[in-house]
Each structure stands twice: as structure tokens, then as C-alpha cells.
Amino acid sequence: MLILGIESSCDETGVALVDASGSGTPRLLGHALHSQIEMHQAYGGVVPELASRDHIRRVLPLTDAVLAQAGLPLSAVDAVGYTRGPGLAGALLVGSGVACALGFALGKPVLGVHHLEGHLLSPFLSADPPEFPFVALLVSGGHTQLMRVDGVGRYELLGETIDDAAGEAFDKSAKLLGLGYPGGPALSKLAQRGDALAYKLPRPLLHSGDLDFSFAGLKTAVLTQVKRLAHASMDGPATTRLADPLSLQQKADVAACVQAAIVEVLVKKSLAAVKLTGLRRLVVAGGVGANALLREQLNAACAKGGLRVHYPELHLCTDNGAMIALAAGLRAQAGLAFTGEEPFAASGYRFDVRPRWPLAELAQPGL
């Protein structure tokens, strides 16, 4: 079964083709991705209308590129998967509209996929794929969650953020430091030059006794620290005052302290989840999962505890079509419904999108 996957939930257009034949892990035959980072940098963040228009321009050329990589015609596709949600409504509608149009033209089923389930299952495309069951740390954009995963569609929420997610803490802290967009990667890069012990920043809910997260207080502490440093600079001689009161080294130190605080919370909560469940395998997925310090500390902690830890390949940590095609393929192999509704082919290829869509809704009752 060849599944074409389309991702358009935010600021990346991704298309991929996977082979989900048989019962083995679906195999990636080709994928292509276009990032809108350069376009949105001028605005300091994603502009939804611009994102939607750019998806329209990119999705079909990317589809042609993927089919060329695989050496297959469009007619070979057996099903089309697309990101139904969560995400930006307009951007989601582009992918869903194109997917349903292709499905209708081919007379093939069209499958709505949950964006976070795509991230959750993306390590199955890695050179070291996991095995069920496992604990998953899902750190993607506005989501930070710990899940017990017993199989495709068999998810139990163990803990989640009660305010800002880890990715938001990275991005908002980067903005306070004037690092621009996208903030998270820029902050992590700058942190390599900083001293993680230079300033004392909080580790919210680190000792809460549960598996929930909270990073809003960390962002507030960063704001306070930046203001304190800026105030000290502005109190100096007028001849030394600059338009940007923080030195590059001060910014690097703050960045290193922010990263250290976030990573410490993620690592300790993940290990606590593994201990609570009694499982011996941890999966990390989502954009923050590419963070080098997070991987380094998790690798060390898991090696010490005799645990296995799995990640997606670095180029599959951010949003991409491969994870959407993979999720559709794994659901097809498991015989699971994709949307909880009648098949699109039987409903005239009507579609909708779900900008807000809790991952827990995908869990199969009684499993």
C-alpha cells in the first residue's frame, strides 16, 4: 500500500511517499520539504494568511518532486494522508483540499491524520526504531506531553503542560533576547557560548510529584533577569550606553541558563514517567527533540539506568510529510479508523479540519 502524505499545519509544507505493504514498518520512498522561515522572519513570527498562500504554491511541485524521487507515477498511490489538525485553520485547509482533490481524481481513500500522532510515531522511520510499549516525551511547538504508548492508537496521557510548552519557552525567551524568528534554534545555538551557571533560573514543577509541566514562570524569570541586566548597563556612564544594553556574552549566558532549566525539567520528568510505568523504553519526538543538550542528557541518564531511548532522525524532527504518511500507514496496518467517521470515498470526499484536536481523542476505547 503506497501512501502519499501531506503536511501543512503551520509554516512548513511537507510531502512524502511511504510503502506500508505487509506488516513491517512502513518504508520511506521519498520526501520533500519547504520551510517558510525566511518569509516569516521579517514579521518576527508566522503570519497565517501568508503561510496558507505559500502552501498553495508549494504542495503540488513538492508532490511531483517526491514521485520523481520514488520513480513512480501518481496513479501508483493507493491512499492520500493529510494533516487534519491541530494547526492553523487556513493552512490545514490547503493540505486537506489538495489531498481530497487527489483522492477524488484517483478514486482512492483519503485519510485525515493527527499532527501530533505523526510526531509521536516518527521515530519508527529512524535507523533505530522503537518497539511497543514505550513512554513518549512529545515536545512539539505548543505541546509538551508525556504519554504511555502501548500501540498505534493506544495512548494514555501521563502529564502535560498547564501553560507554556517547552518550545514556547524557548521561543519567548529568544524573543526577550532579541534573537528573532525562529527563536528556539537560535537560542540553542547561542547557548553553546554561554555559562549555564551564570544566573539562577527556576525549574517549574520539578518537584511537584506529578508529571505535569509549566514553563510560564521560567519565561517571567527570564524577563526579570534581562531587565536586571539592562538596568545595570543603563546605569553606567553615558559614553558606554548602547542601544542594545546586553552584551553578546550576557545573552549567551542567559540562553545557556534557559536551555539548562528546560532540559533539566524534561529529563527528570521523563525518567519519572518511565519509573512510574515500569517500562524500559523512552521515545522523544517533536521539534525540541532535536536539541543537542536534551539528547546528550537523556542518553547519559538512560544509559546509566539501563533504558533504551529513541529519537526521530534530525531532519524528521520538525514538521514533515513523512511522519503524516507514516502515521496513516501504521493506522492502516492496525486496521484503525482515521477520523472516527465514514470513509471519505463513501462521503463524496467531504472534509473538515480540526485546528484544536486533543491527541487523547485518538485512543481506542477499552485498549
Protein backbone atom coordinates (compact mmCIF):
# COMPACT_ATOMS: atom_id res chain seq x y z
CA MET A 1 0.00 0.00 0.00
CA LEU A 2 1.59 3.27 -1.15
CA ILE A 3 0.52 6.29 0.90
CA LEU A 4 1.17 9.89 -0.08
CA GLY A 5 1.38 12.16 2.98
CA ILE A 6 0.79 15.93 3.01
CA GLU A 7 1.71 18.18 5.95
CA SER A 8 0.59 21.84 6.00
CA SER A 9 -0.30 22.62 9.61
CA CYS A 10 1.88 25.71 10.08
CA ASP A 11 4.96 27.07 8.33
CA GLU A 12 6.35 24.02 6.55
CA THR A 13 4.95 22.28 3.50
CA GLY A 14 5.89 18.61 3.51
CA VAL A 15 5.07 15.78 1.12
CA ALA A 16 6.25 12.18 1.33
CA LEU A 17 5.53 8.72 0.00
CA VAL A 18 5.75 5.57 2.14
CA ASP A 19 5.27 1.92 1.37
CA ALA A 20 3.02 0.38 4.04
CA SER A 21 2.74 -3.03 2.41
CA GLY A 22 2.65 -6.02 4.73
CA SER A 23 3.04 -5.85 8.49
CA GLY A 24 6.54 -4.39 8.73
CA THR A 25 7.39 -0.78 9.49
CA PRO A 26 6.37 1.46 6.56
CA ARG A 27 9.33 2.35 4.34
CA LEU A 28 10.05 5.91 3.21
CA LEU A 29 10.34 6.08 -0.58
CA GLY A 30 10.72 9.83 -0.95
CA HIS A 31 10.07 13.11 0.81
CA ALA A 32 10.39 16.84 0.17
CA LEU A 33 10.01 19.83 2.45
CA HIS A 34 9.78 23.58 2.05
CA SER A 35 10.26 25.81 5.08
CA GLN A 36 8.72 29.28 5.24
CA ILE A 37 11.18 30.57 7.85
CA GLU A 38 12.77 33.14 5.58
CA MET A 39 9.38 34.55 4.57
CA HIS A 40 8.16 34.95 8.16
CA GLN A 41 11.40 36.32 9.62
CA ALA A 42 10.51 39.85 8.58
CA TYR A 43 7.41 39.68 10.81
CA GLY A 44 9.01 38.02 13.82
CA GLY A 45 6.63 35.04 13.64
CA VAL A 46 4.22 33.10 11.47
CA VAL A 47 1.63 35.14 9.55
CA PRO A 48 -1.25 32.67 8.96
CA GLU A 49 -2.51 34.20 5.70
CA LEU A 50 0.96 34.21 4.17
CA ALA A 51 1.53 30.65 5.37
CA SER A 52 -1.66 29.43 3.69
CA ARG A 53 -0.86 31.12 0.39
CA ASP A 54 2.64 29.69 0.35
CA HIS A 55 1.32 26.16 0.99
CA ILE A 56 -0.85 26.55 -2.12
CA ARG A 57 2.21 27.44 -4.20
CA ARG A 58 4.39 24.63 -2.87
CA VAL A 59 2.32 21.50 -2.36
CA LEU A 60 1.92 20.27 -5.95
CA PRO A 61 5.55 20.92 -7.03
CA LEU A 62 6.69 19.09 -3.88
CA THR A 63 4.36 16.20 -4.76
CA ASP A 64 5.92 15.99 -8.23
CA ALA A 65 9.40 16.00 -6.65
CA VAL A 66 8.53 13.15 -4.26
CA LEU A 67 7.07 10.99 -7.01
CA ALA A 68 10.17 11.64 -9.11
CA GLN A 69 12.37 10.55 -6.17
CA ALA A 70 10.41 7.34 -5.84
CA GLY A 71 10.34 6.78 -9.60
CA LEU A 72 6.58 6.25 -9.51
CA PRO A 73 3.58 7.86 -11.21
CA LEU A 74 0.76 9.48 -9.25
CA SER A 75 -1.51 6.63 -10.35
CA ALA A 76 0.55 4.22 -8.18
CA VAL A 77 -0.66 5.93 -4.99
CA ASP A 78 -3.14 3.79 -3.04
CA ALA A 79 -4.20 6.38 -0.44
CA VAL A 80 -3.55 10.00 0.49
CA GLY A 81 -2.96 11.07 4.09
CA TYR A 82 -3.04 14.67 5.21
CA THR A 83 -2.78 16.63 8.44
CA ARG A 84 -6.31 17.25 9.67
CA GLY A 85 -5.18 19.07 12.82
CA PRO A 86 -4.17 20.60 15.09
CA GLY A 87 -2.69 23.69 13.45
CA LEU A 88 -3.59 26.89 11.64
CA ALA A 89 -7.06 26.53 10.11
CA GLY A 90 -6.23 28.11 6.77
CA ALA A 91 -3.01 26.17 6.38
CA LEU A 92 -4.75 22.90 7.26
CA LEU A 93 -7.44 23.57 4.68
CA VAL A 94 -4.84 23.80 1.92
CA GLY A 95 -3.47 20.34 2.63
CA SER A 96 -6.88 18.77 3.16
CA GLY A 97 -8.29 20.33 0.00
CA VAL A 98 -5.39 19.13 -2.16
CA ALA A 99 -5.48 15.66 -0.57
CA CYS A 100 -9.20 15.23 -1.19
CA ALA A 101 -8.87 16.51 -4.75
CA LEU A 102 -6.10 13.99 -5.45
CA GLY A 103 -8.10 11.21 -3.79
CA PHE A 104 -11.18 12.03 -5.84
CA ALA A 105 -9.18 12.14 -9.08
CA LEU A 106 -7.54 8.80 -8.32
CA GLY A 107 -10.61 7.17 -6.81
CA LYS A 108 -8.55 6.36 -3.71
CA PRO A 109 -9.25 6.79 0.03
CA VAL A 110 -8.20 9.98 1.79
CA LEU A 111 -7.10 9.73 5.40
CA GLY A 112 -7.14 12.55 7.98
CA VAL A 113 -4.11 12.30 10.32
CA HIS A 114 -3.45 13.88 13.70
CA HIS A 115 -0.33 16.07 13.50
CA LEU A 116 0.91 15.04 16.96
CA GLU A 117 0.39 11.36 16.25
CA GLY A 118 2.69 11.89 13.27
CA HIS A 119 5.38 13.28 15.58
CA LEU A 120 4.75 10.56 18.15
CA LEU A 121 5.30 7.76 15.62
CA SER A 122 8.07 9.45 13.59
CA PRO A 123 10.92 7.52 15.34
CA PHE A 124 9.68 4.41 13.52
CA LEU A 125 11.34 5.87 10.41
CA SER A 126 14.72 6.08 12.15
CA ALA A 127 17.64 3.70 11.83
CA ASP A 128 16.86 2.53 15.39
CA PRO A 129 13.05 2.22 15.53
CA PRO A 130 11.40 1.56 18.90
CA GLU A 131 9.12 -1.29 19.89
CA PHE A 132 5.83 -1.03 21.77
CA PRO A 133 5.21 -0.34 24.60
CA PHE A 134 7.13 2.82 25.50
CA VAL A 135 6.90 6.17 27.24
CA ALA A 136 6.88 9.10 24.82
CA LEU A 137 8.04 12.65 25.51
CA LEU A 138 6.25 14.76 22.91
CA VAL A 139 7.79 18.22 22.67
CA SER A 140 6.45 19.97 19.60
CA GLY A 141 5.58 23.66 19.29
CA GLY A 142 2.86 24.45 21.79
CA HIS A 143 2.73 20.89 23.14
CA THR A 144 4.71 19.21 25.89
CA GLN A 145 3.25 15.87 26.92
CA LEU A 146 4.26 12.54 28.41
CA MET A 147 2.34 9.57 27.05
CA ARG A 148 2.28 5.85 27.64
CA VAL A 149 2.12 4.22 24.21
CA ASP A 150 1.08 0.56 24.03
CA GLY A 151 0.45 0.53 20.28
CA VAL A 152 -0.90 2.59 17.41
CA GLY A 153 -3.94 4.42 18.78
CA ARG A 154 -3.32 3.09 22.30
CA TYR A 155 -2.25 6.21 24.17
CA GLU A 156 -2.51 7.18 27.82
CA LEU A 157 -1.76 10.77 28.84
CA LEU A 158 0.58 10.80 31.84
CA GLY A 159 1.27 14.52 32.08
CA GLU A 160 1.20 17.73 30.04
CA THR A 161 1.94 21.41 30.26
CA ILE A 162 -0.54 23.53 32.20
CA ASP A 163 0.57 26.76 30.48
CA ASP A 164 3.54 27.42 28.19
CA ALA A 165 5.12 24.43 26.50
CA ALA A 166 8.88 23.86 26.28
CA GLY A 167 9.01 25.07 22.69
CA GLU A 168 7.16 28.24 23.63
CA ALA A 169 9.59 28.83 26.50
CA PHE A 170 12.50 28.58 24.06
CA ASP A 171 10.85 30.92 21.54
CA LYS A 172 9.64 33.52 24.04
CA SER A 173 12.98 33.63 25.83
CA ALA A 174 14.72 34.06 22.49
CA LYS A 175 12.44 36.97 21.68
CA LEU A 176 13.31 38.63 25.00
CA LEU A 177 16.96 38.35 23.99
CA GLY A 178 16.27 39.87 20.58
CA LEU A 179 17.21 36.71 18.69
CA GLY A 180 14.42 36.90 16.12
CA TYR A 181 12.48 34.07 14.48
CA PRO A 182 12.64 31.11 14.77
CA GLY A 183 13.77 31.66 18.33
CA GLY A 184 14.31 28.15 19.68
CA PRO A 185 17.14 27.06 17.37
CA ALA A 186 18.78 30.48 17.65
CA LEU A 187 18.72 30.32 21.45
CA SER A 188 20.16 26.79 21.49
CA LYS A 189 22.98 27.84 19.17
CA LEU A 190 23.83 30.90 21.26
CA ALA A 191 23.69 28.82 24.46
CA GLN A 192 26.76 26.89 23.28
CA ARG A 193 28.82 30.03 24.03
CA GLY A 194 27.27 30.68 27.43
CA ASP A 195 27.67 29.68 31.06
CA ALA A 196 24.69 27.65 32.26
CA LEU A 197 25.51 28.55 35.87
CA ALA A 198 25.75 32.32 35.33
CA TYR A 199 22.23 33.08 36.56
CA LYS A 200 19.78 31.22 38.72
CA LEU A 201 16.55 30.40 36.91
CA PRO A 202 13.61 28.33 38.25
CA ARG A 203 12.75 24.75 37.30
CA PRO A 204 8.91 24.95 37.50
CA LEU A 205 7.09 21.86 38.86
CA LEU A 206 10.36 19.93 39.03
CA HIS A 207 9.40 18.56 42.46
CA SER A 208 5.61 18.66 42.05
CA GLY A 209 5.20 14.91 42.49
CA ASP A 210 3.30 14.60 39.21
CA LEU A 211 4.22 14.53 35.53
CA ASP A 212 2.80 17.91 34.51
CA PHE A 213 4.90 20.76 33.14
CA SER A 214 4.84 24.54 33.48
CA PHE A 215 7.19 26.94 31.71
CA ALA A 216 5.35 30.27 32.01
CA GLY A 217 7.17 31.08 35.26
CA LEU A 218 10.52 30.44 33.60
CA LYS A 219 9.69 32.94 30.87
CA THR A 220 8.80 35.53 33.54
CA ALA A 221 12.10 34.85 35.34
CA VAL A 222 14.00 35.36 32.07
CA LEU A 223 12.21 38.68 31.55
CA THR A 224 13.18 39.76 35.06
CA GLN A 225 16.81 38.75 34.53
CA VAL A 226 17.04 40.55 31.19
CA LYS A 227 15.57 43.73 32.70
CA ARG A 228 18.00 43.50 35.61
CA LEU A 229 20.99 43.23 33.28
CA ALA A 230 19.70 46.02 31.06
CA HIS A 231 19.11 48.30 34.03
CA ALA A 232 22.63 47.71 35.31
CA SER A 233 24.02 48.59 31.89
CA MET A 234 21.96 51.76 31.55
CA ASP A 235 23.16 52.94 34.95
CA GLY A 236 26.71 53.07 33.65
CA PRO A 237 28.47 56.09 32.11
CA ALA A 238 26.58 57.69 29.24
CA THR A 239 29.55 57.13 26.92
CA THR A 240 29.26 53.34 27.35
CA ARG A 241 25.50 53.01 26.92
CA LEU A 242 24.37 51.13 23.83
CA ALA A 243 21.07 50.75 22.02
CA ASP A 244 21.26 47.06 22.97
CA PRO A 245 22.21 47.13 26.66
CA LEU A 246 23.08 43.41 26.89
CA SER A 247 26.44 42.18 25.65
CA LEU A 248 26.65 39.12 23.44
CA GLN A 249 28.20 37.17 26.31
CA GLN A 250 25.37 38.14 28.67
CA LYS A 251 22.84 36.97 26.10
CA ALA A 252 24.74 33.72 25.66
CA ASP A 253 24.79 33.16 29.43
CA VAL A 254 21.05 33.78 29.71
CA ALA A 255 20.42 31.45 26.75
CA ALA A 256 22.52 28.72 28.35
CA CYS A 257 20.66 29.08 31.65
CA VAL A 258 17.27 28.93 29.93
CA GLN A 259 18.21 25.83 27.98
CA ALA A 260 19.63 24.13 31.08
CA ALA A 261 16.44 24.80 33.05
CA ILE A 262 14.14 23.45 30.33
CA VAL A 263 16.26 20.38 29.66
CA GLU A 264 16.56 19.50 33.36
CA VAL A 265 12.79 19.51 33.76
CA LEU A 266 12.21 17.47 30.59
CA VAL A 267 14.82 14.88 31.54
CA LYS A 268 13.73 14.39 35.15
CA LYS A 269 10.02 14.25 34.32
CA SER A 270 10.69 11.74 31.51
CA LEU A 271 12.68 9.48 33.82
CA ALA A 272 9.94 9.76 36.45
CA ALA A 273 7.37 8.67 33.83
CA VAL A 274 9.48 5.66 32.88
CA LYS A 275 9.82 4.70 36.54
CA LEU A 276 6.09 5.14 37.17
CA THR A 277 5.07 2.92 34.27
CA GLY A 278 7.76 0.31 34.81
CA LEU A 279 8.64 0.45 31.11
CA ARG A 280 12.22 0.36 29.87
CA ARG A 281 11.94 2.34 26.64
CA LEU A 282 11.64 6.09 26.03
CA VAL A 283 10.78 7.83 22.76
CA VAL A 284 11.40 11.55 22.22
CA ALA A 285 9.61 13.28 19.35
CA GLY A 286 8.87 16.79 18.11
CA GLY A 287 10.96 19.82 17.22
CA VAL A 288 12.55 20.24 20.66
CA GLY A 289 13.64 16.62 20.39
CA ALA A 290 16.41 17.84 18.07
CA ASN A 291 18.00 19.83 20.91
CA ALA A 292 21.57 18.58 21.36
CA LEU A 293 21.71 19.14 25.13
CA LEU A 294 18.42 17.29 25.65
CA ARG A 295 19.69 14.31 23.66
CA GLU A 296 23.02 14.34 25.46
CA GLN A 297 21.49 14.34 28.93
CA LEU A 298 18.78 11.81 28.10
CA ASN A 299 21.33 9.48 26.50
CA ALA A 300 23.52 9.67 29.60
CA ALA A 301 20.63 9.20 32.05
CA CYS A 302 19.11 6.30 30.10
CA ALA A 303 22.48 4.57 29.71
CA LYS A 304 23.01 4.85 33.46
CA GLY A 305 19.56 3.40 34.17
CA GLY A 306 19.76 0.63 31.57
CA LEU A 307 16.99 2.19 29.46
CA ARG A 308 16.60 2.49 25.69
CA VAL A 309 15.90 5.91 24.20
CA HIS A 310 14.83 6.58 20.60
CA TYR A 311 14.60 9.75 18.52
CA PRO A 312 13.48 10.63 15.00
CA GLU A 313 16.24 11.38 12.51
CA LEU A 314 17.19 15.05 12.90
CA HIS A 315 15.68 16.04 9.55
CA LEU A 316 12.36 14.49 10.64
CA CYS A 317 12.08 16.28 14.00
CA THR A 318 10.38 19.34 12.53
CA ASP A 319 7.04 19.15 10.69
CA ASN A 320 7.25 16.96 7.59
CA GLY A 321 5.15 14.86 5.26
CA ALA A 322 6.97 11.64 6.10
CA MET A 323 5.50 11.47 9.60
CA ILE A 324 2.00 12.01 8.21
CA ALA A 325 2.35 9.28 5.61
CA LEU A 326 3.88 7.01 8.27
CA ALA A 327 1.03 7.57 10.74
CA ALA A 328 -1.51 6.85 8.01
CA GLY A 329 0.38 3.70 7.06
CA LEU A 330 0.63 2.39 10.63
CA ARG A 331 -3.07 3.06 11.20
CA ALA A 332 -3.92 1.23 8.01
CA GLN A 333 -1.82 -1.76 9.11
CA ALA A 334 -3.54 -1.74 12.51
CA GLY A 335 -6.99 -1.62 10.91
CA LEU A 336 -7.89 1.59 12.73
CA ALA A 337 -10.26 4.32 11.62
CA PHE A 338 -8.55 7.58 10.76
CA THR A 339 -11.21 10.09 11.72
CA GLY A 340 -13.89 8.14 13.54
CA GLU A 341 -16.25 8.87 10.63
CA GLU A 342 -17.31 7.14 7.44
CA PRO A 343 -14.58 6.71 4.79
CA PHE A 344 -14.10 9.80 2.65
CA ALA A 345 -14.64 7.82 -0.52
CA ALA A 346 -18.13 6.94 0.73
CA SER A 347 -18.94 10.51 1.74
CA GLY A 348 -18.16 12.30 -1.50
CA TYR A 349 -14.72 13.34 -0.22
CA ARG A 350 -16.18 15.89 2.15
CA PHE A 351 -13.59 17.09 4.63
CA ASP A 352 -13.05 19.37 7.57
CA VAL A 353 -10.08 20.36 9.68
CA ARG A 354 -9.55 20.49 13.44
CA PRO A 355 -7.30 23.39 14.49
CA ARG A 356 -7.73 22.18 18.09
CA TRP A 357 -7.67 18.43 18.47
CA PRO A 358 -6.54 16.64 21.67
CA LEU A 359 -4.38 13.63 20.91
CA ALA A 360 -6.18 11.69 23.65
CA GLU A 361 -9.28 11.56 21.40
CA LEU A 362 -7.46 9.07 19.17
CA ALA A 363 -7.06 6.49 21.94
CA GLN A 364 -9.08 3.39 21.24
CA PRO A 365 -11.67 2.69 23.98
CA GLY A 366 -11.00 -0.38 26.06
CA LEU A 367 -7.38 -0.75 24.98
